[in-house]
Amino acid sequence: RLSTAEADRFVSEQTRIGRLLGADPLPDTADDLSQWIVSNAALAPTASQARAIEFLRDPPLSLPVKLGYRLLFQAAAATVPAELGDIIGVTPRQSGGRIGRLGTSTLRAALGASPSWHLALVRSQAPIPSGRFRQPLPPQAQCLLVGSER
């Protein structure tokens, strides 16, 4: 979970990119972005969106795998603002947030931090959180470690 300052910084970074691409107006804070999304006049259900939601709700998979996907769907639905949920026909279950947090923490414990994230931090010369990454970068990425964590 991002703090308010971290979320605002993320939106600000993306806004700079959007302005370079000619988009305007753009939100300046995470709250502004959330409000823009849920109050956008162009929001409306579509046939394609309904098919996508139905596929995610009931994918053509074997029963054991499908049960896992249903838990993922519930967790994802818990992140959708109520206004959008009404439009796309997704109603989060009360347990969805807990399912998502439990699933995420279980995956983090089992898999450790993402090597892609590690590599992105190195490439951008951002600080590397100590103790976060269990595995070293692959040998072909070692050339990027310009004093950052050698």
C-alpha atoms as a PDB file:
ATOM      1  CA  ARG A   1       0.000   0.000   0.000  1.00  0.00           C
ATOM      2  CA  LEU A   2       1.321   3.457  -0.906  1.00  0.00           C
ATOM      3  CA  SER A   3       1.208   6.388   1.466  1.00  0.00           C
ATOM      4  CA  THR A   4      -0.698   9.460   0.286  1.00  0.00           C
ATOM      5  CA  ALA A   5       2.599  11.180  -0.548  1.00  0.00           C
ATOM      6  CA  GLU A   6       3.845   8.138  -2.527  1.00  0.00           C
ATOM      7  CA  ALA A   7       0.568   7.861  -4.447  1.00  0.00           C
ATOM      8  CA  ASP A   8       0.643  11.579  -5.237  1.00  0.00           C
ATOM      9  CA  ARG A   9       4.265  11.290  -6.412  1.00  0.00           C
ATOM     10  CA  PHE A  10       3.316   8.382  -8.691  1.00  0.00           C
ATOM     11  CA  VAL A  11       0.438  10.377 -10.215  1.00  0.00           C
ATOM     12  CA  SER A  12       2.718  13.394 -10.639  1.00  0.00           C
ATOM     13  CA  GLU A  13       5.324  11.287 -12.453  1.00  0.00           C
ATOM     14  CA  GLN A  14       2.698   9.832 -14.796  1.00  0.00           C
ATOM     15  CA  THR A  15       1.179  13.273 -15.349  1.00  0.00           C
ATOM     16  CA  ARG A  16       4.549  14.571 -16.573  1.00  0.00           C
ATOM     17  CA  ILE A  17       4.645  11.770 -19.133  1.00  0.00           C
ATOM     18  CA  GLY A  18       1.063  12.505 -20.193  1.00  0.00           C
ATOM     19  CA  ARG A  19       1.825  16.191 -20.694  1.00  0.00           C
ATOM     20  CA  LEU A  20       4.846  15.316 -22.850  1.00  0.00           C
ATOM     21  CA  LEU A  21       2.428  13.280 -24.979  1.00  0.00           C
ATOM     22  CA  GLY A  22       0.011  16.210 -25.239  1.00  0.00           C
ATOM     23  CA  ALA A  23      -2.673  15.072 -22.780  1.00  0.00           C
ATOM     24  CA  ASP A  24      -4.497  17.844 -20.947  1.00  0.00           C
ATOM     25  CA  PRO A  25      -6.023  18.340 -18.454  1.00  0.00           C
ATOM     26  CA  LEU A  26      -4.457  15.802 -16.123  1.00  0.00           C
ATOM     27  CA  PRO A  27      -4.902  15.163 -12.398  1.00  0.00           C
ATOM     28  CA  ASP A  28      -2.203  16.321  -9.980  1.00  0.00           C
ATOM     29  CA  THR A  29      -2.908  14.045  -7.009  1.00  0.00           C
ATOM     30  CA  ALA A  30      -4.112  10.501  -6.414  1.00  0.00           C
ATOM     31  CA  ASP A  31      -7.412  11.835  -5.049  1.00  0.00           C
ATOM     32  CA  ASP A  32      -7.866  14.006  -8.159  1.00  0.00           C
ATOM     33  CA  LEU A  33      -7.209  10.949 -10.329  1.00  0.00           C
ATOM     34  CA  SER A  34      -9.721   8.827  -8.409  1.00  0.00           C
ATOM     35  CA  GLN A  35     -12.369  11.538  -8.717  1.00  0.00           C
ATOM     36  CA  TRP A  36     -11.699  11.966 -12.429  1.00  0.00           C
ATOM     37  CA  ILE A  37     -12.042   8.237 -13.024  1.00  0.00           C
ATOM     38  CA  VAL A  38     -15.349   7.796 -11.209  1.00  0.00           C
ATOM     39  CA  SER A  39     -16.915  11.020 -12.489  1.00  0.00           C
ATOM     40  CA  ASN A  40     -15.819  10.777 -16.124  1.00  0.00           C
ATOM     41  CA  ALA A  41     -18.813  11.466 -18.369  1.00  0.00           C
ATOM     42  CA  ALA A  42     -17.619   8.866 -20.888  1.00  0.00           C
ATOM     43  CA  LEU A  43     -18.021   5.981 -18.446  1.00  0.00           C
ATOM     44  CA  ALA A  44     -20.641   3.539 -19.653  1.00  0.00           C
ATOM     45  CA  PRO A  45     -21.027  -0.211 -19.864  1.00  0.00           C
ATOM     46  CA  THR A  46     -20.127  -1.813 -23.178  1.00  0.00           C
ATOM     47  CA  ALA A  47     -20.669  -5.242 -24.681  1.00  0.00           C
ATOM     48  CA  SER A  48     -16.902  -5.845 -24.794  1.00  0.00           C
ATOM     49  CA  GLN A  49     -16.522  -4.914 -21.137  1.00  0.00           C
ATOM     50  CA  ALA A  50     -19.416  -7.200 -20.183  1.00  0.00           C
ATOM     51  CA  ARG A  51     -17.811 -10.113 -22.070  1.00  0.00           C
ATOM     52  CA  ALA A  52     -14.461  -9.454 -20.361  1.00  0.00           C
ATOM     53  CA  ILE A  53     -16.053  -9.348 -16.896  1.00  0.00           C
ATOM     54  CA  GLU A  54     -17.996 -12.537 -17.610  1.00  0.00           C
ATOM     55  CA  PHE A  55     -14.805 -14.276 -18.779  1.00  0.00           C
ATOM     56  CA  LEU A  56     -12.984 -13.189 -15.611  1.00  0.00           C
ATOM     57  CA  ARG A  57     -15.940 -14.185 -13.438  1.00  0.00           C
ATOM     58  CA  ASP A  58     -16.231 -17.663 -15.005  1.00  0.00           C
ATOM     59  CA  PRO A  59     -13.116 -18.583 -17.022  1.00  0.00           C
ATOM     60  CA  PRO A  60     -13.104 -21.789 -19.111  1.00  0.00           C
ATOM     61  CA  LEU A  61     -10.771 -23.675 -16.763  1.00  0.00           C
ATOM     62  CA  SER A  62     -10.833 -26.890 -14.782  1.00  0.00           C
ATOM     63  CA  LEU A  63     -12.756 -26.657 -11.509  1.00  0.00           C
ATOM     64  CA  PRO A  64      -9.727 -26.519  -9.154  1.00  0.00           C
ATOM     65  CA  VAL A  65      -8.067 -23.753 -11.179  1.00  0.00           C
ATOM     66  CA  LYS A  66     -11.386 -21.956 -11.605  1.00  0.00           C
ATOM     67  CA  LEU A  67     -11.839 -21.857  -7.815  1.00  0.00           C
ATOM     68  CA  GLY A  68      -8.486 -20.097  -7.485  1.00  0.00           C
ATOM     69  CA  TYR A  69      -9.474 -17.598 -10.174  1.00  0.00           C
ATOM     70  CA  ARG A  70     -12.746 -16.891  -8.373  1.00  0.00           C
ATOM     71  CA  LEU A  71     -10.753 -15.891  -5.296  1.00  0.00           C
ATOM     72  CA  LEU A  72      -8.591 -13.625  -7.462  1.00  0.00           C
ATOM     73  CA  PHE A  73     -11.708 -12.125  -9.021  1.00  0.00           C
ATOM     74  CA  GLN A  74     -13.166 -11.390  -5.575  1.00  0.00           C
ATOM     75  CA  ALA A  75      -9.904  -9.771  -4.492  1.00  0.00           C
ATOM     76  CA  ALA A  76      -9.758  -7.652  -7.647  1.00  0.00           C
ATOM     77  CA  ALA A  77     -13.421  -6.645  -7.311  1.00  0.00           C
ATOM     78  CA  ALA A  78     -12.659  -5.327  -3.817  1.00  0.00           C
ATOM     79  CA  THR A  79     -10.342  -2.721  -5.378  1.00  0.00           C
ATOM     80  CA  VAL A  80     -12.986  -1.305  -7.746  1.00  0.00           C
ATOM     81  CA  PRO A  81     -14.646   1.918  -6.556  1.00  0.00           C
ATOM     82  CA  ALA A  82     -18.383   1.441  -5.954  1.00  0.00           C
ATOM     83  CA  GLU A  83     -19.284   3.909  -8.715  1.00  0.00           C
ATOM     84  CA  LEU A  84     -17.340   1.875 -11.282  1.00  0.00           C
ATOM     85  CA  GLY A  85     -18.608  -1.405  -9.883  1.00  0.00           C
ATOM     86  CA  ASP A  86     -22.166  -0.263 -10.569  1.00  0.00           C
ATOM     87  CA  ILE A  87     -21.282   0.542 -14.179  1.00  0.00           C
ATOM     88  CA  ILE A  88     -19.403  -2.681 -14.933  1.00  0.00           C
ATOM     89  CA  GLY A  89     -21.649  -4.973 -12.894  1.00  0.00           C
ATOM     90  CA  VAL A  90     -19.105  -5.965 -10.246  1.00  0.00           C
ATOM     91  CA  THR A  91     -20.137  -6.016  -6.616  1.00  0.00           C
ATOM     92  CA  PRO A  92     -17.279  -6.691  -4.222  1.00  0.00           C
ATOM     93  CA  ARG A  93     -17.818  -9.222  -1.482  1.00  0.00           C
ATOM     94  CA  GLN A  94     -17.010  -8.186   2.034  1.00  0.00           C
ATOM     95  CA  SER A  95     -14.265 -10.825   2.217  1.00  0.00           C
ATOM     96  CA  GLY A  96     -12.621  -9.771  -1.065  1.00  0.00           C
ATOM     97  CA  GLY A  97     -10.140  -7.375   0.522  1.00  0.00           C
ATOM     98  CA  ARG A  98      -9.057  -9.940   3.098  1.00  0.00           C
ATOM     99  CA  ILE A  99      -8.682 -12.577   0.389  1.00  0.00           C
ATOM    100  CA  GLY A 100      -6.509 -10.225  -1.650  1.00  0.00           C
ATOM    101  CA  ARG A 101      -4.291  -9.261   1.288  1.00  0.00           C
ATOM    102  CA  LEU A 102      -3.860 -12.900   2.328  1.00  0.00           C
ATOM    103  CA  GLY A 103      -3.115 -14.016  -1.227  1.00  0.00           C
ATOM    104  CA  THR A 104      -0.621 -11.208  -1.805  1.00  0.00           C
ATOM    105  CA  SER A 105       1.227 -11.793   1.448  1.00  0.00           C
ATOM    106  CA  THR A 106       1.316 -15.555   0.773  1.00  0.00           C
ATOM    107  CA  LEU A 107       2.770 -15.007  -2.701  1.00  0.00           C
ATOM    108  CA  ARG A 108       5.318 -12.507  -1.362  1.00  0.00           C
ATOM    109  CA  ALA A 109       6.425 -14.975   1.307  1.00  0.00           C
ATOM    110  CA  ALA A 110       6.662 -17.818  -1.204  1.00  0.00           C
ATOM    111  CA  LEU A 111       8.241 -15.955  -4.107  1.00  0.00           C
ATOM    112  CA  GLY A 112      10.099 -13.048  -2.544  1.00  0.00           C
ATOM    113  CA  ALA A 113      10.291  -9.662  -4.217  1.00  0.00           C
ATOM    114  CA  SER A 114      10.046  -9.443  -7.992  1.00  0.00           C
ATOM    115  CA  PRO A 115      13.355  -9.687  -9.870  1.00  0.00           C
ATOM    116  CA  SER A 116      11.844  -7.323 -12.452  1.00  0.00           C
ATOM    117  CA  TRP A 117      11.276  -4.729  -9.744  1.00  0.00           C
ATOM    118  CA  HIS A 118      14.843  -5.252  -8.534  1.00  0.00           C
ATOM    119  CA  LEU A 119      16.177  -4.703 -12.049  1.00  0.00           C
ATOM    120  CA  ALA A 120      13.968  -1.618 -12.535  1.00  0.00           C
ATOM    121  CA  LEU A 121      15.353  -0.099  -9.329  1.00  0.00           C
ATOM    122  CA  VAL A 122      18.904  -0.754 -10.503  1.00  0.00           C
ATOM    123  CA  ARG A 123      18.250   0.677 -13.968  1.00  0.00           C
ATOM    124  CA  SER A 124      16.697   3.826 -12.540  1.00  0.00           C
ATOM    125  CA  GLN A 125      19.467   4.115  -9.940  1.00  0.00           C
ATOM    126  CA  ALA A 126      16.856   4.130  -7.184  1.00  0.00           C
ATOM    127  CA  PRO A 127      17.755   2.937  -3.695  1.00  0.00           C
ATOM    128  CA  ILE A 128      17.563  -0.828  -3.238  1.00  0.00           C
ATOM    129  CA  PRO A 129      15.708  -1.764  -0.019  1.00  0.00           C
ATOM    130  CA  SER A 130      18.028  -3.911   2.054  1.00  0.00           C
ATOM    131  CA  GLY A 131      16.914  -7.484   2.680  1.00  0.00           C
ATOM    132  CA  ARG A 132      14.049  -7.265   0.184  1.00  0.00           C
ATOM    133  CA  PHE A 133      15.518  -9.360  -2.630  1.00  0.00           C
ATOM    134  CA  ARG A 134      16.543 -12.956  -1.948  1.00  0.00           C
ATOM    135  CA  GLN A 135      18.022 -13.784  -5.320  1.00  0.00           C
ATOM    136  CA  PRO A 136      20.908 -12.002  -7.021  1.00  0.00           C
ATOM    137  CA  LEU A 137      20.317 -10.405 -10.383  1.00  0.00           C
ATOM    138  CA  PRO A 138      21.075 -12.662 -13.372  1.00  0.00           C
ATOM    139  CA  PRO A 139      24.663 -12.482 -14.677  1.00  0.00           C
ATOM    140  CA  GLN A 140      23.641 -10.531 -17.803  1.00  0.00           C
ATOM    141  CA  ALA A 141      22.227  -7.765 -15.552  1.00  0.00           C
ATOM    142  CA  GLN A 142      25.357  -7.465 -13.391  1.00  0.00           C
ATOM    143  CA  CYS A 143      26.774  -4.853 -15.797  1.00  0.00           C
ATOM    144  CA  LEU A 144      24.007  -2.472 -14.644  1.00  0.00           C
ATOM    145  CA  LEU A 145      25.255  -2.496 -11.072  1.00  0.00           C
ATOM    146  CA  VAL A 146      27.310   0.652 -11.367  1.00  0.00           C
ATOM    147  CA  GLY A 147      28.221   0.814  -7.705  1.00  0.00           C
ATOM    148  CA  SER A 148      24.583   0.577  -6.635  1.00  0.00           C
ATOM    149  CA  GLU A 149      24.805  -2.682  -4.689  1.00  0.00           C
ATOM    150  CA  ARG A 150      28.047  -4.468  -5.550  1.00  0.00           C
END
